[in-house]
């Protein structure tokens, strides 16, 4: 059985970020319809869920890659906000996280050092901040 599934998926596109968002979004809409009892939410959720799986089982690799690239480019700002918050939470009380003005690289600096010059390891940009 595992071998049949492996052969079936061999030439398929597979899962990516856009397909995951579509399937999870579809499930959330369908669950939301269970509580609100509005048929349109179930319909929207079902369409999103089915389209997510159509993308996963598709053989048009180039089109799916282009769609996922477009999705990733247009959601980069939102994803970076959550990424920064996660980094700041992980840094905790011992470190402070700054973002480079030039390349948007996140830089972790120890807290309590006063005003220091921070040099970005990625682009070499220097800026002064209070840690």
Protein backbone atom coordinates (compact mmCIF):
# COMPACT_ATOMS: atom_id res chain seq x y z
CA UNK A 1 0.00 0.00 0.00
CA UNK A 2 2.82 2.36 0.90
CA UNK A 3 4.53 1.60 -2.39
CA UNK A 4 1.36 2.38 -4.37
CA UNK A 5 1.00 5.73 -2.62
CA UNK A 6 4.67 6.48 -3.25
CA UNK A 7 4.31 5.70 -6.97
CA UNK A 8 1.12 7.79 -7.19
CA UNK A 9 2.76 10.85 -5.60
CA UNK A 10 6.06 10.51 -7.48
CA UNK A 11 5.12 12.81 -10.34
CA UNK A 12 2.82 15.06 -8.27
CA UNK A 13 3.63 18.54 -6.97
CA UNK A 14 3.07 17.80 -3.27
CA UNK A 15 2.48 20.08 -0.31
CA UNK A 16 3.78 23.64 0.03
CA UNK A 17 2.94 26.73 2.10
CA UNK A 18 0.01 27.85 -0.08
CA UNK A 19 -1.54 24.38 -0.15
CA UNK A 20 -1.22 24.13 3.63
CA UNK A 21 -2.85 27.52 4.11
CA UNK A 22 -5.71 26.57 1.77
CA UNK A 23 -6.43 23.23 3.44
CA UNK A 24 -6.17 24.59 7.00
CA UNK A 25 -8.19 27.67 6.07
CA UNK A 26 -10.84 25.42 4.54
CA UNK A 27 -11.03 23.30 7.67
CA UNK A 28 -11.31 26.40 9.86
CA UNK A 29 -14.14 27.79 7.73
CA UNK A 30 -16.00 24.46 7.84
CA UNK A 31 -15.60 24.27 11.64
CA UNK A 32 -16.73 27.87 11.95
CA UNK A 33 -19.87 26.96 10.01
CA UNK A 34 -20.66 24.26 12.59
CA UNK A 35 -20.99 26.98 15.24
CA UNK A 36 -22.52 29.81 13.19
CA UNK A 37 -24.78 27.66 10.97
CA UNK A 38 -24.26 29.85 7.90
CA UNK A 39 -24.05 27.74 4.76
CA UNK A 40 -21.71 30.13 2.93
CA UNK A 41 -18.85 29.45 5.39
CA UNK A 42 -19.11 25.72 4.75
CA UNK A 43 -19.15 26.30 0.99
CA UNK A 44 -16.09 28.62 1.13
CA UNK A 45 -14.27 26.17 3.39
CA UNK A 46 -15.06 23.23 1.15
CA UNK A 47 -13.86 25.10 -1.96
CA UNK A 48 -10.59 26.13 -0.22
CA UNK A 49 -10.02 22.58 1.05
CA UNK A 50 -10.64 20.98 -2.35
CA UNK A 51 -8.45 23.53 -4.17
CA UNK A 52 -5.63 22.89 -1.68
CA UNK A 53 -5.73 19.19 -2.49
CA UNK A 54 -6.01 19.85 -6.22
CA UNK A 55 -2.73 21.79 -5.90
CA UNK A 56 -1.12 18.94 -3.94
CA UNK A 57 -2.08 16.29 -6.54
CA UNK A 58 -1.32 18.50 -9.55
CA UNK A 59 1.26 17.54 -12.15
CA UNK A 60 1.75 21.15 -13.35
CA UNK A 61 4.87 21.77 -11.32
CA UNK A 62 5.87 25.13 -12.87
CA UNK A 63 2.45 26.74 -12.32
CA UNK A 64 2.29 25.57 -8.69
CA UNK A 65 5.79 26.88 -7.98
CA UNK A 66 4.87 30.28 -9.47
CA UNK A 67 1.67 30.43 -7.39
CA UNK A 68 3.52 29.54 -4.20
CA UNK A 69 6.24 32.13 -4.95
CA UNK A 70 3.56 34.82 -5.47
CA UNK A 71 1.90 33.82 -2.17
CA UNK A 72 5.20 33.89 -0.28
CA UNK A 73 6.13 37.32 -1.69
CA UNK A 74 2.76 38.86 -0.83
CA UNK A 75 2.63 37.46 2.72
CA UNK A 76 6.26 38.17 3.63
CA UNK A 77 5.40 41.27 5.66
CA UNK A 78 2.87 39.45 7.83
CA UNK A 79 5.10 36.41 8.29
CA UNK A 80 8.06 38.63 9.28
CA UNK A 81 6.02 40.33 12.02
CA UNK A 82 5.25 36.97 13.61
CA UNK A 83 8.84 35.80 13.06
CA UNK A 84 10.21 38.88 14.87
CA UNK A 85 7.81 38.42 17.77
CA UNK A 86 8.84 34.79 18.09
CA UNK A 87 12.53 35.76 18.06
CA UNK A 88 11.95 38.44 20.70
CA UNK A 89 10.08 35.96 22.89
CA UNK A 90 12.90 33.42 22.52
CA UNK A 91 15.51 36.07 23.34
CA UNK A 92 13.76 36.68 26.64
CA UNK A 93 15.14 39.01 29.29
CA UNK A 94 18.81 38.48 28.46
CA UNK A 95 18.81 39.75 24.88
CA UNK A 96 17.18 42.45 22.79
CA UNK A 97 16.40 41.95 19.09
CA UNK A 98 16.99 44.75 16.57
CA UNK A 99 16.25 44.85 12.85
CA UNK A 100 18.81 46.20 10.37
CA UNK A 101 17.50 49.23 8.47
CA UNK A 102 19.11 48.11 5.21
CA UNK A 103 18.51 44.38 4.86
CA UNK A 104 15.89 43.63 7.56
CA UNK A 105 18.22 41.11 9.23
CA UNK A 106 17.33 40.40 12.88
CA UNK A 107 20.26 40.97 15.25
CA UNK A 108 20.33 39.73 18.85
CA UNK A 109 22.21 41.98 21.31
CA UNK A 110 22.75 41.49 25.08
CA UNK A 111 20.59 43.75 27.25
CA UNK A 112 21.96 46.32 29.68
CA UNK A 113 25.05 47.45 27.72
CA UNK A 114 23.83 51.04 27.23
CA UNK A 115 24.13 52.81 23.87
CA UNK A 116 26.15 50.60 21.57
CA UNK A 117 27.05 50.53 17.91
CA UNK A 118 25.54 47.49 16.23
CA UNK A 119 27.02 46.13 13.02
CA UNK A 120 24.83 43.94 10.84
CA UNK A 121 26.62 40.65 10.08
CA UNK A 122 24.79 40.28 6.77
CA UNK A 123 25.29 43.67 5.05
CA UNK A 124 27.80 45.47 7.32
CA UNK A 125 25.44 48.39 8.08
CA UNK A 126 26.25 50.15 11.38
CA UNK A 127 23.69 51.85 13.63
CA UNK A 128 23.54 52.98 17.26
CA UNK A 129 20.84 51.76 19.63
CA UNK A 130 20.28 51.44 23.35
CA UNK A 131 20.38 47.86 24.52
